[in-house]
Amino acid sequence: MKNDRVCQHGGLIQLGLTGKTGIIMGGSMGIGKVTALALAQEWARVAICARGIKALQESARDIHATGNKVLPIRVDMTSPDDSAPSHNRRSGTGRHRYFG
């Protein structure tokens, strides 16, 4: 299977993430980007959120290159305007439209 992994003892590990959706805050760099890429390699759909649009778009391209869907969302969680419930509802609506 596409999402099988070989553990250190030679057995296969299947994490069961195929078709699941992961939402990663800070997904444009560092551990957030690594986490988003790991989820995508397990065939999970990924939404990444970050402040910087340029890094966000670059990360989205890297994740898309795995053959998986990615939804980049520009958001600043330190800003009350960006993190307000109405914004979260809009993001959620977009996520449902994008991923199904």
Foldseek 3Di string as FASTA:
>chain_A
DQQWDQDPVRDTDQPPQAAAEDEFEVCLDDPNVVVQLNSLSSNHEYEYEEADPVSQVVSQVVSVVSVHHYHYDHADCVDCVRVPPVNVVVVVVVVVVRSD
